[in-house]
N, C-alpha and C. Protein backbone atom coordinates (compact mmCIF):
# COMPACT_ATOMS: atom_id res chain seq x y z
N MET A 1 10.91 -27.62 11.34
CA MET A 1 10.42 -27.55 9.97
C MET A 1 9.07 -28.24 9.89
N LYS A 2 8.03 -27.48 9.54
CA LYS A 2 6.67 -28.02 9.48
C LYS A 2 6.28 -28.28 8.03
N ILE A 3 5.97 -29.53 7.73
CA ILE A 3 5.61 -29.94 6.38
C ILE A 3 4.14 -30.32 6.33
N ALA A 4 3.41 -29.75 5.38
CA ALA A 4 2.00 -30.08 5.18
C ALA A 4 1.87 -31.02 3.99
N VAL A 5 1.28 -32.19 4.21
CA VAL A 5 1.01 -33.15 3.15
C VAL A 5 -0.45 -32.98 2.75
N VAL A 6 -0.69 -32.63 1.51
CA VAL A 6 -2.04 -32.29 1.05
C VAL A 6 -2.90 -33.55 0.95
N ASN A 7 -4.00 -33.55 1.67
CA ASN A 7 -4.96 -34.66 1.64
C ASN A 7 -6.17 -34.23 0.83
N TYR A 8 -6.10 -34.45 -0.49
CA TYR A 8 -7.22 -34.10 -1.37
C TYR A 8 -7.97 -35.35 -1.81
N GLY A 9 -7.63 -36.49 -1.18
CA GLY A 9 -8.39 -37.72 -1.41
C GLY A 9 -7.75 -38.74 -2.32
N MET A 10 -6.54 -38.44 -2.86
CA MET A 10 -5.93 -39.36 -3.82
C MET A 10 -4.45 -39.59 -3.57
N GLY A 11 -3.99 -39.41 -2.35
CA GLY A 11 -2.56 -39.55 -2.08
C GLY A 11 -2.26 -40.70 -1.14
N ASN A 12 -1.04 -41.22 -1.24
CA ASN A 12 -0.57 -42.25 -0.32
C ASN A 12 0.01 -41.54 0.90
N LEU A 13 -0.87 -41.07 1.77
CA LEU A 13 -0.47 -40.17 2.85
C LEU A 13 0.39 -40.85 3.90
N ALA A 14 0.07 -42.07 4.25
CA ALA A 14 0.75 -42.73 5.37
C ALA A 14 2.25 -42.90 5.10
N SER A 15 2.59 -43.39 3.92
CA SER A 15 4.00 -43.64 3.63
C SER A 15 4.78 -42.34 3.47
N VAL A 16 4.15 -41.32 2.89
CA VAL A 16 4.82 -40.03 2.75
C VAL A 16 5.04 -39.40 4.12
N ARG A 17 4.03 -39.42 4.94
CA ARG A 17 4.16 -38.86 6.29
C ARG A 17 5.25 -39.58 7.07
N ARG A 18 5.24 -40.90 7.03
CA ARG A 18 6.21 -41.69 7.79
C ARG A 18 7.63 -41.41 7.32
N ALA A 19 7.82 -41.27 6.01
CA ALA A 19 9.16 -41.02 5.47
C ALA A 19 9.71 -39.69 5.97
N PHE A 20 8.88 -38.66 5.98
CA PHE A 20 9.35 -37.36 6.48
C PHE A 20 9.57 -37.39 7.99
N GLU A 21 8.71 -38.08 8.73
CA GLU A 21 8.91 -38.19 10.17
C GLU A 21 10.20 -38.92 10.49
N ASP A 22 10.56 -39.90 9.66
CA ASP A 22 11.79 -40.66 9.87
C ASP A 22 13.03 -39.78 9.77
N ILE A 23 12.95 -38.67 9.03
CA ILE A 23 14.11 -37.79 8.90
C ILE A 23 13.96 -36.53 9.77
N GLY A 24 13.03 -36.57 10.70
CA GLY A 24 12.95 -35.53 11.71
C GLY A 24 12.01 -34.37 11.42
N ALA A 25 11.18 -34.47 10.42
CA ALA A 25 10.27 -33.38 10.10
C ALA A 25 9.02 -33.44 10.98
N GLU A 26 8.45 -32.27 11.22
CA GLU A 26 7.13 -32.18 11.84
C GLU A 26 6.11 -32.18 10.71
N VAL A 27 5.29 -33.21 10.65
CA VAL A 27 4.41 -33.41 9.51
C VAL A 27 2.95 -33.25 9.92
N THR A 28 2.23 -32.48 9.13
CA THR A 28 0.79 -32.32 9.29
C THR A 28 0.10 -32.80 8.03
N VAL A 29 -0.89 -33.66 8.18
CA VAL A 29 -1.74 -34.02 7.05
C VAL A 29 -2.80 -32.92 6.92
N ALA A 30 -2.70 -32.16 5.85
CA ALA A 30 -3.59 -31.00 5.65
C ALA A 30 -4.91 -31.48 5.07
N ASN A 31 -5.95 -31.42 5.87
CA ASN A 31 -7.27 -31.86 5.42
C ASN A 31 -8.12 -30.71 4.88
N HIS A 32 -7.60 -29.49 5.00
CA HIS A 32 -8.31 -28.31 4.50
C HIS A 32 -7.26 -27.33 3.96
N PRO A 33 -7.56 -26.62 2.87
CA PRO A 33 -6.58 -25.68 2.30
C PRO A 33 -6.02 -24.68 3.31
N ALA A 34 -6.78 -24.32 4.33
CA ALA A 34 -6.31 -23.34 5.31
C ALA A 34 -5.07 -23.81 6.04
N ALA A 35 -4.87 -25.14 6.12
CA ALA A 35 -3.72 -25.69 6.83
C ALA A 35 -2.40 -25.40 6.12
N LEU A 36 -2.46 -25.05 4.85
CA LEU A 36 -1.23 -24.80 4.10
C LEU A 36 -0.53 -23.52 4.54
N TYR A 37 -1.28 -22.60 5.09
CA TYR A 37 -0.72 -21.29 5.42
C TYR A 37 0.21 -21.33 6.63
N ASP A 38 0.09 -22.36 7.45
CA ASP A 38 0.93 -22.48 8.64
C ASP A 38 2.17 -23.33 8.41
N ALA A 39 2.31 -23.91 7.23
CA ALA A 39 3.42 -24.83 6.95
C ALA A 39 4.62 -24.09 6.33
N ASN A 40 5.80 -24.69 6.48
CA ASN A 40 7.01 -24.19 5.83
C ASN A 40 7.24 -24.83 4.46
N ARG A 41 6.75 -26.04 4.31
CA ARG A 41 6.93 -26.80 3.08
C ARG A 41 5.60 -27.48 2.75
N ILE A 42 5.33 -27.67 1.46
CA ILE A 42 4.11 -28.34 1.01
C ILE A 42 4.49 -29.57 0.19
N VAL A 43 3.82 -30.69 0.45
CA VAL A 43 4.00 -31.91 -0.34
C VAL A 43 2.66 -32.28 -0.94
N LEU A 44 2.67 -32.46 -2.28
CA LEU A 44 1.45 -32.85 -3.00
C LEU A 44 1.65 -34.26 -3.53
N PRO A 45 1.16 -35.27 -2.81
CA PRO A 45 1.30 -36.65 -3.28
C PRO A 45 0.20 -36.98 -4.28
N GLY A 46 0.13 -38.23 -4.71
CA GLY A 46 -0.97 -38.57 -5.60
C GLY A 46 -0.84 -39.93 -6.24
N VAL A 47 -1.96 -40.63 -6.29
CA VAL A 47 -2.06 -41.92 -6.99
C VAL A 47 -3.39 -41.91 -7.73
N GLY A 48 -3.36 -42.18 -9.03
CA GLY A 48 -4.60 -42.22 -9.78
C GLY A 48 -4.56 -41.40 -11.05
N ALA A 49 -5.73 -40.97 -11.52
CA ALA A 49 -5.87 -40.33 -12.81
C ALA A 49 -5.77 -38.81 -12.70
N PHE A 50 -5.16 -38.20 -13.72
CA PHE A 50 -4.95 -36.75 -13.77
C PHE A 50 -6.28 -35.99 -13.67
N THR A 51 -7.25 -36.38 -14.47
CA THR A 51 -8.53 -35.67 -14.51
C THR A 51 -9.21 -35.67 -13.14
N GLU A 52 -9.25 -36.84 -12.52
CA GLU A 52 -9.89 -36.95 -11.20
C GLU A 52 -9.11 -36.15 -10.16
N GLY A 53 -7.79 -36.20 -10.24
CA GLY A 53 -6.97 -35.44 -9.31
C GLY A 53 -7.22 -33.95 -9.40
N MET A 54 -7.27 -33.43 -10.62
CA MET A 54 -7.51 -32.00 -10.79
C MET A 54 -8.92 -31.61 -10.35
N GLU A 55 -9.90 -32.48 -10.56
CA GLU A 55 -11.25 -32.20 -10.08
C GLU A 55 -11.26 -32.07 -8.57
N CYS A 56 -10.51 -32.92 -7.88
CA CYS A 56 -10.43 -32.85 -6.41
C CYS A 56 -9.74 -31.57 -5.97
N LEU A 57 -8.68 -31.16 -6.67
CA LEU A 57 -7.95 -29.95 -6.28
C LEU A 57 -8.76 -28.68 -6.54
N THR A 58 -9.42 -28.62 -7.67
CA THR A 58 -10.15 -27.39 -8.01
C THR A 58 -11.50 -27.31 -7.31
N GLY A 59 -12.10 -28.46 -7.05
CA GLY A 59 -13.43 -28.46 -6.46
C GLY A 59 -13.47 -28.18 -4.97
N SER A 60 -12.33 -28.29 -4.31
CA SER A 60 -12.30 -28.13 -2.85
C SER A 60 -11.44 -26.95 -2.40
N GLY A 61 -11.02 -26.12 -3.35
CA GLY A 61 -10.25 -24.94 -2.98
C GLY A 61 -8.76 -25.13 -2.85
N TRP A 62 -8.29 -26.35 -3.10
CA TRP A 62 -6.85 -26.62 -2.98
C TRP A 62 -6.04 -25.87 -4.03
N ALA A 63 -6.53 -25.84 -5.26
CA ALA A 63 -5.77 -25.24 -6.35
C ALA A 63 -5.48 -23.77 -6.08
N SER A 64 -6.47 -23.02 -5.66
CA SER A 64 -6.27 -21.59 -5.41
C SER A 64 -5.36 -21.37 -4.20
N ALA A 65 -5.51 -22.19 -3.16
CA ALA A 65 -4.65 -22.07 -1.99
C ALA A 65 -3.21 -22.41 -2.33
N LEU A 66 -3.00 -23.45 -3.13
CA LEU A 66 -1.65 -23.82 -3.55
C LEU A 66 -1.02 -22.69 -4.36
N HIS A 67 -1.78 -22.09 -5.24
CA HIS A 67 -1.26 -20.99 -6.04
C HIS A 67 -0.83 -19.83 -5.14
N GLU A 68 -1.62 -19.55 -4.13
CA GLU A 68 -1.27 -18.43 -3.24
C GLU A 68 -0.02 -18.72 -2.42
N VAL A 69 0.04 -19.89 -1.77
CA VAL A 69 1.16 -20.14 -0.86
C VAL A 69 2.44 -20.50 -1.60
N VAL A 70 2.31 -21.13 -2.77
CA VAL A 70 3.50 -21.58 -3.50
C VAL A 70 3.99 -20.52 -4.50
N ILE A 71 3.11 -20.03 -5.33
CA ILE A 71 3.51 -19.09 -6.38
C ILE A 71 3.64 -17.67 -5.83
N GLN A 72 2.69 -17.23 -5.05
CA GLN A 72 2.73 -15.85 -4.55
C GLN A 72 3.62 -15.71 -3.31
N GLN A 73 3.53 -16.65 -2.38
CA GLN A 73 4.32 -16.54 -1.15
C GLN A 73 5.68 -17.21 -1.26
N GLY A 74 5.85 -18.12 -2.22
CA GLY A 74 7.15 -18.74 -2.45
C GLY A 74 7.50 -19.91 -1.55
N LYS A 75 6.49 -20.56 -0.95
CA LYS A 75 6.80 -21.74 -0.14
C LYS A 75 7.20 -22.91 -1.04
N PRO A 76 8.24 -23.66 -0.66
CA PRO A 76 8.65 -24.81 -1.48
C PRO A 76 7.56 -25.88 -1.55
N LEU A 77 7.40 -26.43 -2.74
CA LEU A 77 6.42 -27.48 -2.99
C LEU A 77 7.11 -28.66 -3.66
N LEU A 78 6.79 -29.87 -3.18
CA LEU A 78 7.26 -31.09 -3.82
C LEU A 78 6.05 -31.90 -4.25
N GLY A 79 5.90 -32.12 -5.57
CA GLY A 79 4.86 -32.99 -6.10
C GLY A 79 5.43 -34.37 -6.34
N ILE A 80 4.70 -35.40 -5.94
CA ILE A 80 5.16 -36.78 -6.07
C ILE A 80 4.18 -37.56 -6.94
N CYS A 81 4.69 -38.22 -7.99
CA CYS A 81 3.92 -39.06 -8.91
C CYS A 81 2.78 -38.25 -9.53
N LEU A 82 1.52 -38.58 -9.26
CA LEU A 82 0.43 -37.77 -9.81
C LEU A 82 0.54 -36.32 -9.36
N GLY A 83 1.01 -36.12 -8.14
CA GLY A 83 1.21 -34.76 -7.64
C GLY A 83 2.18 -33.98 -8.48
N MET A 84 3.21 -34.65 -8.98
CA MET A 84 4.14 -34.00 -9.91
C MET A 84 3.45 -33.71 -11.24
N GLN A 85 2.70 -34.67 -11.77
CA GLN A 85 2.07 -34.49 -13.07
C GLN A 85 1.09 -33.32 -13.06
N MET A 86 0.40 -33.11 -11.96
CA MET A 86 -0.58 -32.03 -11.90
C MET A 86 0.06 -30.66 -11.81
N LEU A 87 1.37 -30.59 -11.66
CA LEU A 87 2.08 -29.31 -11.74
C LEU A 87 2.11 -28.78 -13.17
N ALA A 88 1.85 -29.65 -14.15
CA ALA A 88 1.96 -29.30 -15.56
C ALA A 88 0.82 -28.39 -16.02
N THR A 89 0.96 -27.90 -17.24
CA THR A 89 -0.07 -27.07 -17.85
C THR A 89 -1.33 -27.87 -18.14
N SER A 90 -1.14 -29.11 -18.62
CA SER A 90 -2.29 -29.94 -18.97
C SER A 90 -1.91 -31.41 -18.95
N GLY A 91 -2.94 -32.27 -18.84
CA GLY A 91 -2.76 -33.71 -18.90
C GLY A 91 -3.66 -34.31 -19.96
N HIS A 92 -3.22 -35.42 -20.56
CA HIS A 92 -3.98 -36.04 -21.65
C HIS A 92 -4.40 -37.45 -21.24
N GLU A 93 -5.27 -37.53 -20.27
CA GLU A 93 -5.78 -38.81 -19.81
C GLU A 93 -7.30 -38.72 -19.80
N GLY A 94 -7.93 -39.39 -20.78
CA GLY A 94 -9.37 -39.26 -20.92
C GLY A 94 -9.78 -37.90 -21.44
N GLY A 95 -8.96 -37.33 -22.31
CA GLY A 95 -9.21 -36.00 -22.81
C GLY A 95 -8.30 -35.00 -22.13
N GLU A 96 -8.07 -33.86 -22.78
CA GLU A 96 -7.15 -32.87 -22.23
C GLU A 96 -7.79 -32.14 -21.05
N THR A 97 -7.02 -32.04 -19.97
CA THR A 97 -7.48 -31.39 -18.74
C THR A 97 -6.42 -30.40 -18.28
N ASN A 98 -6.84 -29.23 -17.87
CA ASN A 98 -5.89 -28.25 -17.35
C ASN A 98 -5.29 -28.71 -16.03
N GLY A 99 -3.97 -28.48 -15.89
CA GLY A 99 -3.30 -28.76 -14.63
C GLY A 99 -3.13 -27.48 -13.82
N LEU A 100 -2.29 -27.53 -12.81
CA LEU A 100 -2.04 -26.35 -11.99
C LEU A 100 -1.25 -25.29 -12.74
N GLY A 101 -0.44 -25.70 -13.71
CA GLY A 101 0.31 -24.75 -14.52
C GLY A 101 1.53 -24.16 -13.81
N PHE A 102 2.04 -24.83 -12.78
CA PHE A 102 3.20 -24.31 -12.07
C PHE A 102 4.50 -24.50 -12.86
N ILE A 103 4.55 -25.56 -13.67
CA ILE A 103 5.70 -25.81 -14.54
C ILE A 103 5.16 -26.09 -15.94
N PRO A 104 5.51 -25.29 -16.95
CA PRO A 104 4.95 -25.48 -18.28
C PRO A 104 5.28 -26.86 -18.86
N GLY A 105 4.26 -27.54 -19.33
CA GLY A 105 4.47 -28.85 -19.92
C GLY A 105 3.17 -29.61 -20.01
N LYS A 106 3.23 -30.79 -20.64
CA LYS A 106 2.07 -31.65 -20.80
C LYS A 106 2.38 -33.04 -20.26
N VAL A 107 1.34 -33.73 -19.81
CA VAL A 107 1.47 -35.09 -19.32
C VAL A 107 0.88 -36.02 -20.36
N ARG A 108 1.74 -36.90 -20.88
CA ARG A 108 1.33 -37.80 -21.97
C ARG A 108 1.52 -39.26 -21.54
N ARG A 109 0.73 -40.15 -22.11
CA ARG A 109 0.89 -41.58 -21.86
C ARG A 109 2.26 -42.03 -22.39
N LEU A 110 2.85 -42.99 -21.71
CA LEU A 110 4.21 -43.42 -22.06
C LEU A 110 4.33 -43.85 -23.51
N ASP A 111 3.35 -44.58 -24.04
CA ASP A 111 3.46 -45.03 -25.43
C ASP A 111 3.33 -43.87 -26.41
N ALA A 112 2.73 -42.77 -25.98
CA ALA A 112 2.60 -41.59 -26.85
C ALA A 112 3.91 -40.84 -26.99
N ILE A 113 4.86 -41.09 -26.07
CA ILE A 113 6.18 -40.44 -26.18
C ILE A 113 7.25 -41.41 -26.66
N GLY A 114 6.82 -42.61 -27.14
CA GLY A 114 7.76 -43.52 -27.78
C GLY A 114 8.10 -44.78 -27.01
N CYS A 115 7.52 -44.97 -25.84
CA CYS A 115 7.82 -46.17 -25.05
C CYS A 115 7.07 -47.37 -25.62
N LYS A 116 7.80 -48.48 -25.82
CA LYS A 116 7.18 -49.70 -26.35
C LYS A 116 7.15 -50.83 -25.32
N LEU A 117 7.55 -50.54 -24.10
CA LEU A 117 7.54 -51.54 -23.05
C LEU A 117 6.18 -51.57 -22.36
N ARG A 118 6.01 -52.54 -21.49
CA ARG A 118 4.75 -52.74 -20.79
C ARG A 118 4.38 -51.49 -19.98
N ILE A 119 3.10 -51.15 -20.04
CA ILE A 119 2.55 -50.06 -19.27
C ILE A 119 1.51 -50.63 -18.29
N PRO A 120 1.57 -50.28 -17.02
CA PRO A 120 2.39 -49.22 -16.42
C PRO A 120 3.84 -49.62 -16.21
N HIS A 121 4.67 -48.62 -16.08
CA HIS A 121 6.07 -48.80 -15.70
C HIS A 121 6.10 -48.97 -14.18
N VAL A 122 6.50 -50.16 -13.73
CA VAL A 122 6.54 -50.45 -12.30
C VAL A 122 7.90 -51.04 -11.96
N GLY A 123 8.59 -50.44 -10.99
CA GLY A 123 9.84 -51.02 -10.53
C GLY A 123 10.94 -50.00 -10.32
N TRP A 124 12.13 -50.53 -10.05
CA TRP A 124 13.30 -49.70 -9.75
C TRP A 124 14.04 -49.34 -11.03
N ASN A 125 14.34 -48.06 -11.20
CA ASN A 125 15.12 -47.59 -12.34
C ASN A 125 16.13 -46.55 -11.88
N ASP A 126 17.29 -46.56 -12.55
CA ASP A 126 18.27 -45.53 -12.18
C ASP A 126 17.87 -44.19 -12.77
N VAL A 127 18.24 -43.14 -12.06
CA VAL A 127 17.90 -41.78 -12.43
C VAL A 127 19.16 -41.04 -12.85
N SER A 128 19.11 -40.47 -14.05
CA SER A 128 20.27 -39.80 -14.65
C SER A 128 20.08 -38.29 -14.56
N TYR A 129 21.06 -37.61 -14.00
CA TYR A 129 20.96 -36.16 -13.82
C TYR A 129 21.21 -35.43 -15.13
N ARG A 130 20.37 -34.48 -15.44
CA ARG A 130 20.58 -33.59 -16.58
C ARG A 130 21.30 -32.32 -16.16
N LYS A 131 21.20 -31.98 -14.87
CA LYS A 131 21.90 -30.81 -14.33
C LYS A 131 22.00 -30.99 -12.83
N ALA A 132 22.95 -30.30 -12.23
CA ALA A 132 23.10 -30.36 -10.78
C ALA A 132 21.91 -29.66 -10.13
N ASP A 133 21.46 -30.20 -9.00
CA ASP A 133 20.33 -29.59 -8.30
C ASP A 133 20.41 -29.95 -6.83
N VAL A 134 19.95 -29.03 -5.99
CA VAL A 134 19.97 -29.22 -4.55
C VAL A 134 19.21 -30.48 -4.14
N LEU A 135 18.24 -30.89 -4.92
CA LEU A 135 17.44 -32.06 -4.58
C LEU A 135 18.28 -33.34 -4.57
N PHE A 136 19.40 -33.33 -5.30
CA PHE A 136 20.24 -34.53 -5.40
C PHE A 136 21.55 -34.42 -4.63
N ASP A 137 21.67 -33.44 -3.75
CA ASP A 137 22.87 -33.33 -2.92
C ASP A 137 23.09 -34.63 -2.14
N GLY A 138 24.30 -35.18 -2.25
CA GLY A 138 24.64 -36.39 -1.52
C GLY A 138 24.09 -37.66 -2.12
N ILE A 139 23.49 -37.59 -3.31
CA ILE A 139 22.94 -38.78 -3.97
C ILE A 139 23.72 -39.01 -5.26
N PRO A 140 24.42 -40.13 -5.41
CA PRO A 140 25.19 -40.37 -6.63
C PRO A 140 24.30 -40.43 -7.87
N ASP A 141 24.83 -39.94 -8.99
CA ASP A 141 24.13 -40.08 -10.26
C ASP A 141 23.87 -41.55 -10.54
N LEU A 142 22.77 -41.86 -11.19
CA LEU A 142 22.33 -43.20 -11.55
C LEU A 142 21.91 -44.03 -10.34
N SER A 143 21.55 -43.36 -9.24
CA SER A 143 20.96 -44.07 -8.11
C SER A 143 19.57 -44.58 -8.49
N ASP A 144 19.17 -45.70 -7.88
CA ASP A 144 17.87 -46.30 -8.18
C ASP A 144 16.76 -45.67 -7.36
N PHE A 145 15.63 -45.44 -8.03
CA PHE A 145 14.42 -44.96 -7.38
C PHE A 145 13.25 -45.82 -7.86
N TYR A 146 12.18 -45.83 -7.08
CA TYR A 146 11.04 -46.68 -7.38
C TYR A 146 9.96 -45.89 -8.14
N PHE A 147 9.48 -46.48 -9.26
CA PHE A 147 8.49 -45.84 -10.13
C PHE A 147 7.23 -46.71 -10.25
N VAL A 148 6.08 -46.04 -10.33
CA VAL A 148 4.81 -46.69 -10.70
C VAL A 148 4.00 -45.65 -11.46
N HIS A 149 3.93 -45.78 -12.79
CA HIS A 149 3.19 -44.78 -13.56
C HIS A 149 2.95 -45.25 -14.99
N SER A 150 1.92 -44.66 -15.61
CA SER A 150 1.59 -44.91 -17.01
C SER A 150 1.75 -43.66 -17.87
N PHE A 151 1.85 -42.51 -17.21
CA PHE A 151 1.96 -41.22 -17.90
C PHE A 151 3.24 -40.53 -17.46
N ALA A 152 3.72 -39.61 -18.29
CA ALA A 152 4.97 -38.91 -18.01
C ALA A 152 4.83 -37.42 -18.29
N PHE A 153 5.55 -36.64 -17.53
CA PHE A 153 5.59 -35.19 -17.67
C PHE A 153 6.56 -34.85 -18.82
N VAL A 154 6.08 -34.10 -19.80
CA VAL A 154 6.92 -33.63 -20.91
C VAL A 154 7.04 -32.11 -20.79
N PRO A 155 8.14 -31.62 -20.21
CA PRO A 155 8.25 -30.17 -20.00
C PRO A 155 8.42 -29.41 -21.30
N GLU A 156 7.88 -28.20 -21.34
CA GLU A 156 8.05 -27.37 -22.53
C GLU A 156 9.50 -26.95 -22.72
N SER A 157 10.19 -26.71 -21.62
CA SER A 157 11.56 -26.22 -21.68
C SER A 157 12.51 -27.18 -20.98
N GLN A 158 13.67 -27.41 -21.60
CA GLN A 158 14.70 -28.24 -20.98
C GLN A 158 15.22 -27.59 -19.70
N GLU A 159 14.99 -26.31 -19.57
CA GLU A 159 15.42 -25.59 -18.37
C GLU A 159 14.83 -26.21 -17.11
N HIS A 160 13.63 -26.79 -17.22
CA HIS A 160 12.94 -27.34 -16.06
C HIS A 160 13.20 -28.83 -15.86
N LEU A 161 13.94 -29.46 -16.78
CA LEU A 161 14.20 -30.90 -16.71
C LEU A 161 15.47 -31.14 -15.89
N ILE A 162 15.32 -31.74 -14.73
CA ILE A 162 16.44 -31.96 -13.81
C ILE A 162 17.04 -33.36 -13.96
N ALA A 163 16.18 -34.37 -14.20
CA ALA A 163 16.68 -35.75 -14.29
C ALA A 163 15.70 -36.59 -15.10
N THR A 164 16.24 -37.66 -15.68
CA THR A 164 15.42 -38.59 -16.46
C THR A 164 15.69 -40.02 -16.01
N THR A 165 14.81 -40.90 -16.43
CA THR A 165 15.06 -42.33 -16.29
C THR A 165 14.78 -42.96 -17.66
N SER A 166 15.34 -44.13 -17.90
CA SER A 166 15.16 -44.79 -19.19
C SER A 166 14.16 -45.94 -19.07
N TYR A 167 13.11 -45.88 -19.88
CA TYR A 167 12.15 -46.97 -19.96
C TYR A 167 11.79 -47.13 -21.44
N ASP A 168 12.75 -47.63 -22.17
CA ASP A 168 12.71 -47.74 -23.63
C ASP A 168 12.91 -46.39 -24.30
N CYS A 169 12.55 -45.32 -23.63
CA CYS A 169 12.81 -43.96 -24.07
C CYS A 169 13.12 -43.13 -22.82
N ASP A 170 13.60 -41.93 -23.02
CA ASP A 170 13.87 -41.06 -21.88
C ASP A 170 12.55 -40.57 -21.28
N VAL A 171 12.41 -40.76 -20.00
CA VAL A 171 11.21 -40.37 -19.27
C VAL A 171 11.61 -39.37 -18.19
N THR A 172 10.86 -38.29 -18.07
CA THR A 172 11.15 -37.29 -17.04
C THR A 172 11.01 -37.91 -15.66
N ALA A 173 12.07 -37.78 -14.86
CA ALA A 173 12.05 -38.27 -13.48
C ALA A 173 11.86 -37.14 -12.48
N VAL A 174 12.49 -35.98 -12.74
CA VAL A 174 12.41 -34.84 -11.82
C VAL A 174 12.35 -33.55 -12.62
N VAL A 175 11.46 -32.66 -12.22
CA VAL A 175 11.38 -31.32 -12.81
C VAL A 175 11.46 -30.29 -11.69
N ARG A 176 11.83 -29.09 -12.08
CA ARG A 176 11.89 -28.00 -11.10
C ARG A 176 11.72 -26.66 -11.79
N SER A 177 10.99 -25.77 -11.13
CA SER A 177 10.94 -24.36 -11.52
C SER A 177 10.97 -23.55 -10.24
N GLY A 178 12.13 -22.97 -9.92
CA GLY A 178 12.26 -22.18 -8.70
C GLY A 178 12.00 -23.00 -7.46
N ASN A 179 10.98 -22.63 -6.70
CA ASN A 179 10.65 -23.32 -5.45
C ASN A 179 9.69 -24.49 -5.65
N VAL A 180 9.40 -24.84 -6.91
CA VAL A 180 8.48 -25.93 -7.22
C VAL A 180 9.26 -27.13 -7.77
N PHE A 181 9.17 -28.26 -7.07
CA PHE A 181 9.87 -29.49 -7.45
C PHE A 181 8.85 -30.58 -7.73
N GLY A 182 9.18 -31.48 -8.66
CA GLY A 182 8.31 -32.61 -8.93
C GLY A 182 9.12 -33.87 -9.19
N CYS A 183 8.69 -34.98 -8.58
CA CYS A 183 9.35 -36.29 -8.77
C CYS A 183 8.35 -37.29 -9.32
N GLN A 184 8.65 -37.90 -10.46
CA GLN A 184 7.80 -38.97 -10.95
C GLN A 184 7.97 -40.23 -10.11
N CYS A 185 9.18 -40.43 -9.62
CA CYS A 185 9.44 -41.57 -8.75
C CYS A 185 8.79 -41.35 -7.38
N HIS A 186 8.82 -42.38 -6.56
CA HIS A 186 8.31 -42.30 -5.20
C HIS A 186 9.49 -42.29 -4.24
N PRO A 187 9.96 -41.11 -3.82
CA PRO A 187 11.10 -41.09 -2.89
C PRO A 187 10.78 -41.74 -1.56
N GLU A 188 9.53 -41.70 -1.14
CA GLU A 188 9.15 -42.31 0.14
C GLU A 188 9.25 -43.83 0.11
N LYS A 189 9.38 -44.40 -1.10
CA LYS A 189 9.52 -45.85 -1.26
C LYS A 189 10.88 -46.23 -1.83
N SER A 190 11.80 -45.27 -1.87
CA SER A 190 13.07 -45.47 -2.58
C SER A 190 14.28 -45.56 -1.66
N SER A 191 14.07 -46.14 -0.50
CA SER A 191 15.16 -46.49 0.41
C SER A 191 16.06 -45.29 0.73
N LYS A 192 17.36 -45.53 0.81
CA LYS A 192 18.31 -44.50 1.27
C LYS A 192 18.34 -43.28 0.35
N ALA A 193 18.35 -43.50 -0.96
CA ALA A 193 18.39 -42.37 -1.90
C ALA A 193 17.13 -41.53 -1.78
N GLY A 194 16.00 -42.18 -1.62
CA GLY A 194 14.75 -41.45 -1.49
C GLY A 194 14.68 -40.63 -0.23
N ARG A 195 15.17 -41.20 0.88
CA ARG A 195 15.19 -40.44 2.13
C ARG A 195 16.10 -39.22 2.02
N GLN A 196 17.23 -39.37 1.31
CA GLN A 196 18.13 -38.23 1.15
C GLN A 196 17.47 -37.15 0.30
N LEU A 197 16.74 -37.55 -0.73
CA LEU A 197 16.04 -36.56 -1.56
C LEU A 197 15.03 -35.78 -0.71
N LEU A 198 14.28 -36.48 0.13
CA LEU A 198 13.31 -35.80 0.99
C LEU A 198 14.02 -34.89 1.99
N ARG A 199 15.15 -35.33 2.49
CA ARG A 199 15.93 -34.50 3.41
C ARG A 199 16.42 -33.24 2.71
N ASN A 200 16.84 -33.39 1.47
CA ASN A 200 17.30 -32.22 0.71
C ASN A 200 16.18 -31.23 0.47
N PHE A 201 14.99 -31.73 0.18
CA PHE A 201 13.84 -30.85 0.03
C PHE A 201 13.53 -30.14 1.33
N MET A 202 13.60 -30.86 2.43
CA MET A 202 13.30 -30.28 3.72
C MET A 202 14.30 -29.18 4.08
N ASN A 203 15.55 -29.37 3.67
CA ASN A 203 16.61 -28.42 4.03
C ASN A 203 16.78 -27.30 3.02
N TYR A 204 16.11 -27.38 1.89
CA TYR A 204 16.24 -26.36 0.84
C TYR A 204 15.78 -25.00 1.35
N VAL A 205 16.59 -24.01 1.08
CA VAL A 205 16.26 -22.63 1.47
C VAL A 205 16.09 -21.80 0.19
N PRO A 206 14.90 -21.30 -0.08
CA PRO A 206 14.70 -20.48 -1.31
C PRO A 206 15.58 -19.26 -1.28
N CYS A 207 16.05 -18.85 -2.45
CA CYS A 207 16.90 -17.66 -2.56
C CYS A 207 16.06 -16.40 -2.38
């Protein structure tokens, strides 16, 4: 199983790569969009601001390549943290910015969706399943995952909401639309449960 980790300049590549290698994956850090075409799975990591992230994806050809291999060819994609947020239709950080549009929804600051706790949200929180999903096979409901974020994905449809976490209000933890998965948490930093989630993504077979 060959996994391509997208290197668009804003991802925590080392820890993501190491986590997948630990569970037996063949991992390539994709430094050019052309590398995505040889992979079986795509991982879009990310740390930082939505606007800057989308500028990096659209300005270097990543966005169009991702659309082709993920939407048209159907290769599974996992977005992590900012990588998950950029799957949305738009983000509201420093003004509204278009996202990749793979999963309909908007990315809003935590206090804009009702959170009154300290921002950013940093630390371990349990994740509550809204529906059964292959991504959580072998992982008990309410398992702890590690979060670091100030913004949250607000999906247009509950159909795409797989799991939430509580941080004064319900916050989207995992979204999915077909072969496109997104995690607000950092599975690569989430110990045993996180490794199992990555293993489940690696073993997922699209219908």
